[in-house]
Each structure stands twice: as structure tokens, then as C-alpha cells.
Amino acid sequence: MKHIHPFPARMAPEIALEKIKTLKPGQTVLDPMVGSGMVLSQAVRNGINAIGVDLDPLAELISRVGTTAVDEDEVKRGLNVLLENCSEISDPVFLPWIDEDIETKKFIDFWYAPKQKKQLRTLSFLLISQPISVSDDVLNIIKVALSRLIITKEPKASLARDTAHSRPHRTIKKNSFDVISAMQSSLNHVLNALDTTSLKSKAKTYLGDARNLTVVANDTIDCIVTSPPYLNAIDYMRGHRMSLVWLGYPLKSLREIRGTSIGAERALNGEFSKEFTEMLAKLDLGQLEDKNKNMLDRYFYDLVQQTKEAYRVLKKGATGTYVIGNSTIRGTYVPNSEFLKRAGMLAGFDVLGETEREIPNHRRYMPMAVGVGNGLANRMRTEHIIDFRKPL
């Protein structure tokens, strides 16, 4: 299966498909932490309605584009309009979220060479500040085509490699890459991966918080399939901000999103809950330092809030499937799956079952080797698939 855009720790399509095949056309699946949009993509290709929610603006954009049927000729015409307008702009353009923000401007100066910076400024001006006259669907798909040239394994539009893995580091000082010339091939890739004729139903995506699903009514969802961000494993925003600064977001707003996301390494204020203290004792995690316990307490709290919302929106008798990885904190093994199961039970769910599977290194943008010194790989060797059910 081709993907319209790189994304770290993408859910395996076979997991999503297995659960979706239990639904009937017209029923609705929800992914409240939509990420790459894999669940939604599988759903709409099997005639199942889908709803996706995510705090990350790039994740929401990718998921929306990946499930929206478009007229390919209209999209190609839209790109031609964009490129023609680019050729007519010679004077410097003004991008307020960059030019009025010293921090964001310095960030861009560090990660982008002059040639690409000038091209990206022009493209951003015509996509964000004064958008070309095309439909929102066309504009969004062109934004994804642009983002693909930034979120990459090797340097293209930026001076960084490993941006697609959310581990960007600058490896070159000069760059001859032509962003504008590459837009056509990037758009062709997106259209080919989208395969718009295969879309059989509709998806709705929203920028929002899985812990407060204001866009979803009580008892309306037939199934949930999702994967919470893994604790202290992947910093999605570290890579995604490389693209989002060109899509209208200053660094400050992205930092706020990062700091409030599930899995963020920011502690709660206050004392530990009774449930969390019981879990620490049960799992023999008392050797963790207080600052690490605080981080884990925050993660458990977030899981509790999310599963409560999942319970609220699911119909009686409906199921929720969660894919979660365990981790290590300062050398201490932390079974996140146990925290998730406890959170689900506190919400009122029955635990139907749990399976464990190894994560193929070749698939989910994980490090190739597992061993000493490779902390990320060690934290993400396996994942647990946990099935909950809301009682009748």
C-alpha cells in the first residue's frame, strides 16, 4: 500500500483492516488519535464511514487528504495555477507568522538554505497568505505535496535528514534542490497513492483533542480503532514543525500543541492519584525517580481521560481496539499496556483480550538495529493490541 506522506510509527494496515471488516457499510469507525490516517484510509476503501481527530495539524491534514475523493484534472490545473503565479512573483513576500516572529524566523534560517527558503516563502504565500483561487480540497492536496518535499529521509527542501523519522538533524550547509520543479512529481505521487477511485465512503477529520471529543456525540460510534502516542518514544512535532512553519504555524503554537499532547514528557501538578499509586506498586516501578513518576502519572491521566471519552461516544456493546507499545524510562521497563488496560477499566470497559506482536523494523520508520545504545528501538520492539467493549 502506497502512502501519500511519510509518517513515523504508522499503524499496520492489517490491524486496521481486520477490525474494520467486522463493520457494515453505513456504520462509523472513530480514530481519536488519527496520526497518519491509516484507520480512516482502510475504512473509506471498505464502505465504512470514518471520523478522525488529532491535535497535530499535519496529521489532520494528511488524514483529510488521504480520504477525500478529488478530480485529478482539477488538482493538476490547480498546481499549474500555483506554479504560474510563482513565476510571476519576483519581489519579497510577507509571511506574518514568520516575519513578525523572531523565533520562527531564526528556526527557518537554521534549517533552510537561501534558494529553498525563497521558493518556500513564495509557495507559502500562495497557499496560506493569499491562496490561489481553487477549492479547499485542491489546496489541501497541494499542501501535502509540498510537505512531502520537507518531511523526508534525506535532505530535499531542508538541510536536514531523518525528518521523516521525526529526528531531524542538519547534515549539509548548501542545497541545490529545486522545490518548485519538484512539486509536479510530488503531486503525482500523492494522487497515485490516494487512488481516488477506490474511495467508497466518506471520512470527516477534525483538529481536536482525544481527551475531549467535542465533535462526537454520545453513543454514536460503532467501533474505535486507534493507537495512542507511545510514551517518551517519538516526538512527532519535532519533525512535523519543519513543514508546519510553512503552513501558517509559528513555533510557539506548535510548542503548545507538543506540550499538551498525549505522551508528552510534561508532568502534572499535584499529588499522584490513588489508582496511579496502586499501579506503581503492582508493576514494581517504585525505583523510578520522582520526575519520571510524574511523567508516567501524566501519561496515565491522559489515557484515563481518553478512554472515558471513548466510552462516552461508543454505542453499547461496541468495541474499541487500541495498539500501544511499551517503553523504558532510564533503563526501567514500563508496561504502558497495563496502564491502558487499567484506564479502560476505570472508564467502564470490559477487556475482551490482548495480543502482542513484534514491530517489523522495515515498516514503521523504526531504527534498523535493536541493541545497546539504540534506545528508541529498545522501547518499540513490540506492540500490544488491546480490545475493549462497552457493556450492553
Protein backbone atom coordinates (compact mmCIF):
# COMPACT_ATOMS: atom_id res chain seq x y z
CA MET A 1 0.00 0.00 0.00
CA LYS A 2 1.41 3.39 -1.01
CA HIS A 3 1.22 6.28 1.41
CA ILE A 4 0.57 9.88 0.46
CA HIS A 5 3.04 11.26 3.02
CA PRO A 6 5.77 9.91 5.34
CA PHE A 7 4.71 9.37 8.94
CA PRO A 8 6.61 7.79 11.87
CA ALA A 9 5.13 4.80 13.72
CA ARG A 10 2.31 4.28 11.24
CA MET A 11 -0.32 1.76 12.30
CA ALA A 12 -0.08 -1.52 10.39
CA PRO A 13 -2.86 -1.61 7.75
CA GLU A 14 -3.69 -5.25 8.54
CA ILE A 15 -4.64 -4.32 12.12
CA ALA A 16 -6.99 -1.58 10.97
CA LEU A 17 -8.45 -3.74 8.20
CA GLU A 18 -9.13 -6.70 10.49
CA LYS A 19 -11.28 -4.58 12.79
CA ILE A 20 -12.98 -2.61 10.03
CA LYS A 21 -14.11 -5.79 8.26
CA THR A 22 -16.36 -6.54 11.24
CA LEU A 23 -18.41 -3.44 10.39
CA LYS A 24 -21.17 -2.98 7.82
CA PRO A 25 -21.48 -0.23 5.20
CA GLY A 26 -23.01 2.84 6.79
CA GLN A 27 -21.52 2.17 10.21
CA THR A 28 -18.91 4.52 11.63
CA VAL A 29 -15.40 3.94 12.94
CA LEU A 30 -13.60 6.58 15.02
CA ASP A 31 -9.88 7.12 15.37
CA PRO A 32 -9.49 9.79 18.07
CA MET A 33 -5.69 9.94 17.60
CA VAL A 34 -5.70 9.63 13.84
CA GLY A 35 -1.99 10.06 13.11
CA SER A 36 -1.22 9.03 9.55
CA GLY A 37 -4.90 8.30 8.82
CA MET A 38 -4.39 4.57 8.27
CA VAL A 39 -7.65 3.62 10.01
CA LEU A 40 -9.64 6.17 8.03
CA SER A 41 -7.99 5.15 4.78
CA GLN A 42 -8.89 1.49 5.28
CA ALA A 43 -12.43 2.40 6.33
CA VAL A 44 -13.38 4.55 3.35
CA ARG A 45 -12.00 1.93 0.97
CA ASN A 46 -14.33 -0.62 2.53
CA GLY A 47 -17.50 1.46 2.56
CA ILE A 48 -17.32 2.37 6.25
CA ASN A 49 -17.88 5.93 7.44
CA ALA A 50 -14.96 7.30 9.43
CA ILE A 51 -14.15 10.11 11.83
CA GLY A 52 -10.62 11.15 12.72
CA VAL A 53 -9.38 13.61 15.35
CA ASP A 54 -5.84 14.80 16.08
CA LEU A 55 -4.09 17.72 17.79
CA ASP A 56 -1.29 17.67 15.21
CA PRO A 57 -2.28 19.90 12.25
CA LEU A 58 -0.12 17.93 9.81
CA ALA A 59 -1.63 14.61 10.90
CA GLU A 60 -5.14 16.03 10.44
CA LEU A 61 -4.22 17.40 7.00
CA ILE A 62 -2.68 14.13 5.82
CA SER A 63 -5.68 12.16 7.08
CA ARG A 64 -8.14 14.52 5.40
CA VAL A 65 -6.37 14.43 2.05
CA GLY A 66 -5.90 10.66 2.26
CA THR A 67 -9.65 10.08 2.46
CA THR A 68 -11.01 12.76 0.12
CA ALA A 69 -12.06 11.97 -3.44
CA VAL A 70 -10.83 14.62 -5.86
CA ASP A 71 -10.95 15.32 -9.58
CA GLU A 72 -7.35 14.68 -10.63
CA ASP A 73 -7.57 17.01 -13.60
CA GLU A 74 -8.83 19.79 -11.34
CA VAL A 75 -5.94 19.18 -8.96
CA LYS A 76 -3.38 19.29 -11.77
CA ARG A 77 -4.88 22.51 -13.07
CA GLY A 78 -4.64 23.93 -9.57
CA LEU A 79 -0.95 23.11 -9.40
CA ASN A 80 -0.40 24.76 -12.78
CA VAL A 81 -2.09 27.91 -11.47
CA LEU A 82 0.17 27.83 -8.41
CA LEU A 83 3.35 27.41 -10.44
CA GLU A 84 2.33 30.14 -12.90
CA ASN A 85 1.72 32.52 -10.01
CA CYS A 86 5.09 31.60 -8.52
CA SER A 87 6.84 32.57 -11.73
CA GLU A 88 5.19 35.99 -11.64
CA ILE A 89 6.39 36.86 -8.13
CA SER A 90 9.81 38.50 -8.03
CA ASP A 91 9.54 40.82 -5.04
CA PRO A 92 9.87 39.51 -1.45
CA VAL A 93 6.58 38.33 0.08
CA PHE A 94 5.37 38.92 3.62
CA LEU A 95 4.52 35.96 5.87
CA PRO A 96 3.33 37.40 9.20
CA TRP A 97 3.69 34.24 11.33
CA ILE A 98 7.37 34.15 10.27
CA ASP A 99 8.35 37.75 9.65
CA GLU A 100 6.75 39.03 12.85
CA ASP A 101 8.17 36.21 14.99
CA ILE A 102 11.91 36.23 15.68
CA GLU A 103 11.98 32.65 16.99
CA THR A 104 10.29 31.19 13.91
CA LYS A 105 12.45 33.24 11.57
CA LYS A 106 15.65 32.01 13.26
CA PHE A 107 14.38 28.45 13.05
CA ILE A 108 13.86 28.76 9.31
CA ASP A 109 17.22 30.44 8.79
CA PHE A 110 18.90 27.49 10.51
CA TRP A 111 17.14 24.68 8.67
CA TYR A 112 16.76 26.13 5.16
CA ALA A 113 19.30 27.40 2.62
CA PRO A 114 18.62 30.68 0.74
CA LYS A 115 17.38 29.12 -2.53
CA GLN A 116 14.85 26.79 -0.92
CA LYS A 117 13.83 29.40 1.62
CA LYS A 118 12.92 31.84 -1.15
CA GLN A 119 10.93 29.20 -3.06
CA LEU A 120 9.13 28.01 0.07
CA ARG A 121 8.23 31.57 1.01
CA THR A 122 6.62 32.08 -2.40
CA LEU A 123 4.73 28.79 -2.24
CA SER A 124 3.60 29.51 1.32
CA PHE A 125 2.39 32.96 0.31
CA LEU A 126 0.19 31.47 -2.44
CA LEU A 127 -1.08 28.59 -0.30
CA ILE A 128 -1.61 30.38 3.04
CA SER A 129 -1.37 34.19 2.97
CA GLN A 130 -3.12 34.84 -0.35
CA PRO A 131 -4.33 31.42 -1.52
CA ILE A 132 -4.79 30.76 -5.21
CA SER A 133 -8.39 30.50 -6.36
CA VAL A 134 -9.04 26.76 -6.08
CA SER A 135 -11.25 24.57 -3.88
CA ASP A 136 -10.17 23.68 -0.35
CA ASP A 137 -9.71 20.05 -1.40
CA VAL A 138 -7.31 21.04 -4.17
CA LEU A 139 -5.45 23.44 -1.90
CA ASN A 140 -5.06 20.75 0.78
CA ILE A 141 -3.69 18.14 -1.60
CA ILE A 142 -1.12 20.63 -2.91
CA LYS A 143 -0.10 21.41 0.68
CA VAL A 144 0.55 17.71 1.25
CA ALA A 145 2.59 17.53 -1.96
CA LEU A 146 4.70 20.41 -0.65
CA SER A 147 5.07 18.88 2.80
CA ARG A 148 6.37 15.63 1.25
CA LEU A 149 9.39 17.57 -0.04
CA ILE A 150 10.20 18.69 3.53
CA ILE A 151 9.36 15.62 5.63
CA THR A 152 11.96 13.32 4.09
CA LYS A 153 14.61 10.73 4.96
CA GLU A 154 17.37 12.57 3.12
CA PRO A 155 17.70 16.35 2.61
CA LYS A 156 15.44 17.81 -0.06
CA ALA A 157 13.75 21.14 0.68
CA SER A 158 15.57 21.48 4.02
CA LEU A 159 19.15 20.96 5.19
CA ALA A 160 18.07 18.05 7.41
CA ARG A 161 17.97 14.31 7.12
CA ASP A 162 15.73 11.95 9.11
CA THR A 163 12.90 14.48 9.17
CA ALA A 164 10.51 11.67 8.20
CA HIS A 165 11.59 9.81 11.35
CA SER A 166 10.93 12.93 13.49
CA ARG A 167 14.66 13.03 14.27
CA PRO A 168 15.86 15.89 12.02
CA HIS A 169 19.49 16.87 12.16
CA ARG A 170 21.27 19.22 9.80
CA THR A 171 23.79 17.39 7.64
CA ILE A 172 24.53 19.79 4.78
CA LYS A 173 25.29 23.51 4.52
CA LYS A 174 24.49 24.04 0.83
CA ASN A 175 21.50 22.83 -1.11
CA SER A 176 20.74 22.85 -4.84
CA PHE A 177 17.32 21.16 -4.58
CA ASP A 178 14.63 22.91 -6.63
CA VAL A 179 11.39 22.84 -4.63
CA ILE A 180 9.18 24.35 -7.33
CA SER A 181 10.39 21.98 -10.04
CA ALA A 182 9.78 19.00 -7.73
CA MET A 183 6.16 19.91 -6.98
CA GLN A 184 4.79 18.16 -10.07
CA SER A 185 6.34 14.77 -9.30
CA SER A 186 5.39 15.08 -5.62
CA LEU A 187 1.76 15.80 -6.53
CA ASN A 188 1.76 12.85 -8.93
CA HIS A 189 2.89 10.61 -6.07
CA VAL A 190 0.09 11.86 -3.82
CA LEU A 191 -2.56 11.31 -6.50
CA ASN A 192 -1.24 7.84 -7.29
CA ALA A 193 -1.17 6.84 -3.62
CA LEU A 194 -4.60 8.33 -2.99
CA ASP A 195 -6.19 6.31 -5.82
CA THR A 196 -9.33 8.39 -5.56
CA THR A 197 -11.48 5.82 -7.45
CA SER A 198 -11.06 3.36 -4.55
CA LEU A 199 -12.83 5.62 -2.03
CA LYS A 200 -16.28 4.16 -1.32
CA SER A 201 -17.47 6.22 1.66
CA LYS A 202 -16.79 9.45 3.48
CA ALA A 203 -14.45 10.46 6.27
CA LYS A 204 -14.53 13.53 8.47
CA THR A 205 -11.41 14.85 10.15
CA TYR A 206 -11.09 17.44 12.88
CA LEU A 207 -8.35 19.28 14.71
CA GLY A 208 -9.14 18.35 18.27
CA ASP A 209 -8.24 16.55 21.47
CA ALA A 210 -8.87 12.83 22.00
CA ARG A 211 -9.44 13.61 25.69
CA ASN A 212 -12.29 15.99 24.86
CA LEU A 213 -14.13 14.83 21.75
CA THR A 214 -16.47 17.76 21.39
CA VAL A 215 -17.20 16.89 17.75
CA VAL A 216 -18.62 13.43 18.62
CA ALA A 217 -21.99 12.87 20.28
CA ASN A 218 -22.78 10.28 22.95
CA ASP A 219 -23.44 6.67 21.88
CA THR A 220 -22.92 7.27 18.14
CA ILE A 221 -19.78 5.31 17.23
CA ASP A 222 -19.84 1.66 16.13
CA CYS A 223 -16.14 0.97 16.62
CA ILE A 224 -12.93 2.67 17.70
CA VAL A 225 -9.55 1.71 16.28
CA THR A 226 -6.61 3.82 17.39
CA SER A 227 -3.04 3.96 18.63
CA PRO A 228 -2.07 6.34 21.44
CA PRO A 229 1.32 8.05 21.10
CA TYR A 230 3.94 5.91 22.79
CA LEU A 231 5.33 7.41 25.99
CA ASN A 232 8.73 9.15 25.51
CA ALA A 233 9.31 7.35 22.21
CA ILE A 234 8.54 9.55 19.21
CA ASP A 235 8.38 13.33 19.25
CA TYR A 236 6.10 13.81 16.24
CA MET A 237 6.15 17.59 16.37
CA ARG A 238 9.94 17.71 16.22
CA GLY A 239 9.77 16.64 12.60
CA HIS A 240 6.36 17.97 11.63
CA ARG A 241 7.16 21.54 12.61
CA MET A 242 9.66 21.58 9.72
CA SER A 243 6.65 21.54 7.42
CA LEU A 244 4.07 23.34 9.56
CA VAL A 245 6.11 26.55 9.77
CA TRP A 246 5.39 26.90 6.04
CA LEU A 247 1.68 26.16 6.55
CA GLY A 248 0.95 29.13 8.80
CA TYR A 249 2.10 27.96 12.24
CA PRO A 250 4.67 29.87 14.34
CA LEU A 251 6.89 27.82 16.63
CA LYS A 252 5.14 28.99 19.78
CA SER A 253 1.79 27.49 18.72
CA LEU A 254 3.47 24.22 17.76
CA ARG A 255 5.28 24.07 21.09
CA GLU A 256 1.95 24.47 22.87
CA ILE A 257 0.49 21.57 20.88
CA ARG A 258 3.54 19.44 21.64
CA GLY A 259 3.36 20.21 25.37
CA THR A 260 -0.29 19.20 25.68
CA SER A 261 -0.20 16.04 23.54
CA ILE A 262 -0.69 12.55 24.96
CA GLY A 263 2.76 11.07 25.53
CA ALA A 264 4.39 14.43 26.15
CA GLU A 265 7.13 14.43 28.78
CA ARG A 266 5.48 17.10 30.89
CA ALA A 267 4.32 16.26 34.41
CA LEU A 268 1.01 17.06 36.06
CA ASN A 269 0.87 19.40 39.02
CA GLY A 270 -0.32 17.84 42.23
CA GLU A 271 -0.26 14.55 44.07
CA PHE A 272 -0.47 11.11 42.48
CA SER A 273 -3.92 9.59 42.17
CA LYS A 274 -4.79 6.50 44.20
CA GLU A 275 -5.09 4.46 41.02
CA PHE A 276 -1.65 5.54 39.77
CA THR A 277 -0.02 4.77 43.13
CA GLU A 278 -1.60 1.31 43.08
CA MET A 279 -0.28 0.73 39.57
CA LEU A 280 3.26 1.75 40.60
CA ALA A 281 3.20 -0.80 43.41
CA LYS A 282 1.63 -3.54 41.32
CA LEU A 283 4.12 -3.14 38.48
CA ASP A 284 7.12 -2.69 40.79
CA LEU A 285 8.06 0.73 39.41
CA GLY A 286 8.89 2.32 42.74
CA GLN A 287 12.56 2.62 41.75
CA LEU A 288 11.79 5.35 39.24
CA GLU A 289 12.84 8.87 40.17
CA ASP A 290 10.05 11.26 41.12
CA LYS A 291 10.38 13.26 37.89
CA ASN A 292 9.92 10.06 35.90
CA LYS A 293 6.96 9.02 38.03
CA ASN A 294 5.44 12.44 37.35
CA MET A 295 5.82 11.93 33.61
CA LEU A 296 4.23 8.49 33.83
CA ASP A 297 1.44 9.87 36.01
CA ARG A 298 0.69 12.42 33.28
CA TYR A 299 0.57 9.65 30.66
CA PHE A 300 -1.77 7.53 32.80
CA TYR A 301 -4.00 10.54 33.42
CA ASP A 302 -4.19 11.21 29.68
CA LEU A 303 -5.09 7.57 28.98
CA VAL A 304 -7.84 7.73 31.60
CA GLN A 305 -9.29 10.89 30.09
CA GLN A 306 -9.20 9.44 26.58
CA THR A 307 -10.79 6.10 27.46
CA LYS A 308 -13.56 7.93 29.32
CA GLU A 309 -14.30 9.86 26.14
CA ALA A 310 -14.14 6.66 24.09
CA TYR A 311 -16.66 5.05 26.45
CA ARG A 312 -18.96 8.06 26.11
CA VAL A 313 -19.09 8.09 22.32
CA LEU A 314 -19.28 4.33 21.69
CA LYS A 315 -22.63 2.61 21.34
CA LYS A 316 -23.49 -0.03 23.93
CA GLY A 317 -21.91 -3.34 23.01
CA ALA A 318 -19.43 -1.65 20.66
CA THR A 319 -15.69 -2.28 20.80
CA GLY A 320 -12.55 -0.20 20.94
CA THR A 321 -9.20 -1.52 19.74
CA TYR A 322 -6.00 0.16 20.94
CA VAL A 323 -2.50 -0.51 19.65
CA ILE A 324 0.14 0.53 22.18
CA GLY A 325 3.84 -0.04 22.70
CA ASN A 326 5.69 -0.45 25.97
CA SER A 327 8.80 1.56 26.79
CA THR A 328 11.74 2.08 29.10
CA ILE A 329 12.41 5.06 31.33
CA ARG A 330 16.01 5.38 32.49
CA GLY A 331 16.52 1.67 31.99
CA THR A 332 13.28 0.68 33.77
CA TYR A 333 10.79 -1.31 31.70
CA VAL A 334 7.38 0.37 31.72
CA PRO A 335 4.38 -1.71 30.55
CA ASN A 336 2.24 1.06 29.07
CA SER A 337 -0.25 -1.60 28.01
CA GLU A 338 -1.04 -2.28 31.67
CA PHE A 339 -1.71 1.40 32.28
CA LEU A 340 -4.01 1.45 29.25
CA LYS A 341 -5.97 -1.58 30.40
CA ARG A 342 -6.40 -0.05 33.84
CA ALA A 343 -7.52 3.23 32.29
CA GLY A 344 -10.08 1.40 30.17
CA MET A 345 -11.49 -0.46 33.14
CA LEU A 346 -11.75 2.77 35.13
CA ALA A 347 -13.77 4.19 32.24
CA GLY A 348 -16.18 1.24 32.48
CA PHE A 349 -14.92 -1.02 29.68
CA ASP A 350 -14.62 -4.78 29.76
CA VAL A 351 -11.27 -6.06 28.47
CA LEU A 352 -12.02 -8.59 25.75
CA GLY A 353 -8.46 -9.64 25.02
CA GLU A 354 -4.86 -8.71 24.40
CA THR A 355 -2.31 -9.84 21.84
CA GLU A 356 1.35 -8.91 21.38
CA ARG A 357 3.16 -8.60 18.08
CA GLU A 358 6.67 -7.69 17.04
CA ILE A 359 7.05 -4.47 15.09
CA PRO A 360 8.86 -5.05 11.77
CA ASN A 361 11.80 -2.66 11.65
CA HIS A 362 11.37 -2.16 7.90
CA ARG A 363 7.83 -0.84 8.23
CA ARG A 364 7.27 1.80 10.88
CA TYR A 365 10.23 4.15 10.50
CA MET A 366 11.95 2.44 13.42
CA PRO A 367 15.72 2.08 13.85
CA MET A 368 17.10 -0.92 11.98
CA ALA A 369 19.01 -2.41 14.90
CA VAL A 370 17.92 -3.40 18.38
CA GLY A 371 20.72 -3.34 20.91
CA VAL A 372 22.80 -1.40 23.34
CA GLY A 373 22.79 2.31 22.65
CA ASN A 374 19.70 2.16 20.47
CA GLY A 375 17.16 3.39 23.00
CA LEU A 376 14.32 4.09 20.57
CA ALA A 377 14.49 0.59 19.08
CA ASN A 378 14.56 -0.98 22.54
CA ARG A 379 11.45 0.94 23.58
CA MET A 380 9.50 -0.03 20.49
CA ARG A 381 10.28 -3.69 19.78
CA THR A 382 6.71 -4.90 20.30
CA GLU A 383 3.20 -3.54 20.45
CA HIS A 384 0.10 -4.74 22.26
CA ILE A 385 -3.34 -4.86 20.69
CA ILE A 386 -5.99 -4.46 23.40
CA ASP A 387 -9.71 -4.90 22.74
CA PHE A 388 -12.28 -3.21 24.99
CA ARG A 389 -16.06 -3.50 24.90
CA LYS A 390 -18.68 -1.13 26.27
CA PRO A 391 -21.20 -3.27 28.22
CA LEU A 392 -24.77 -3.56 26.99
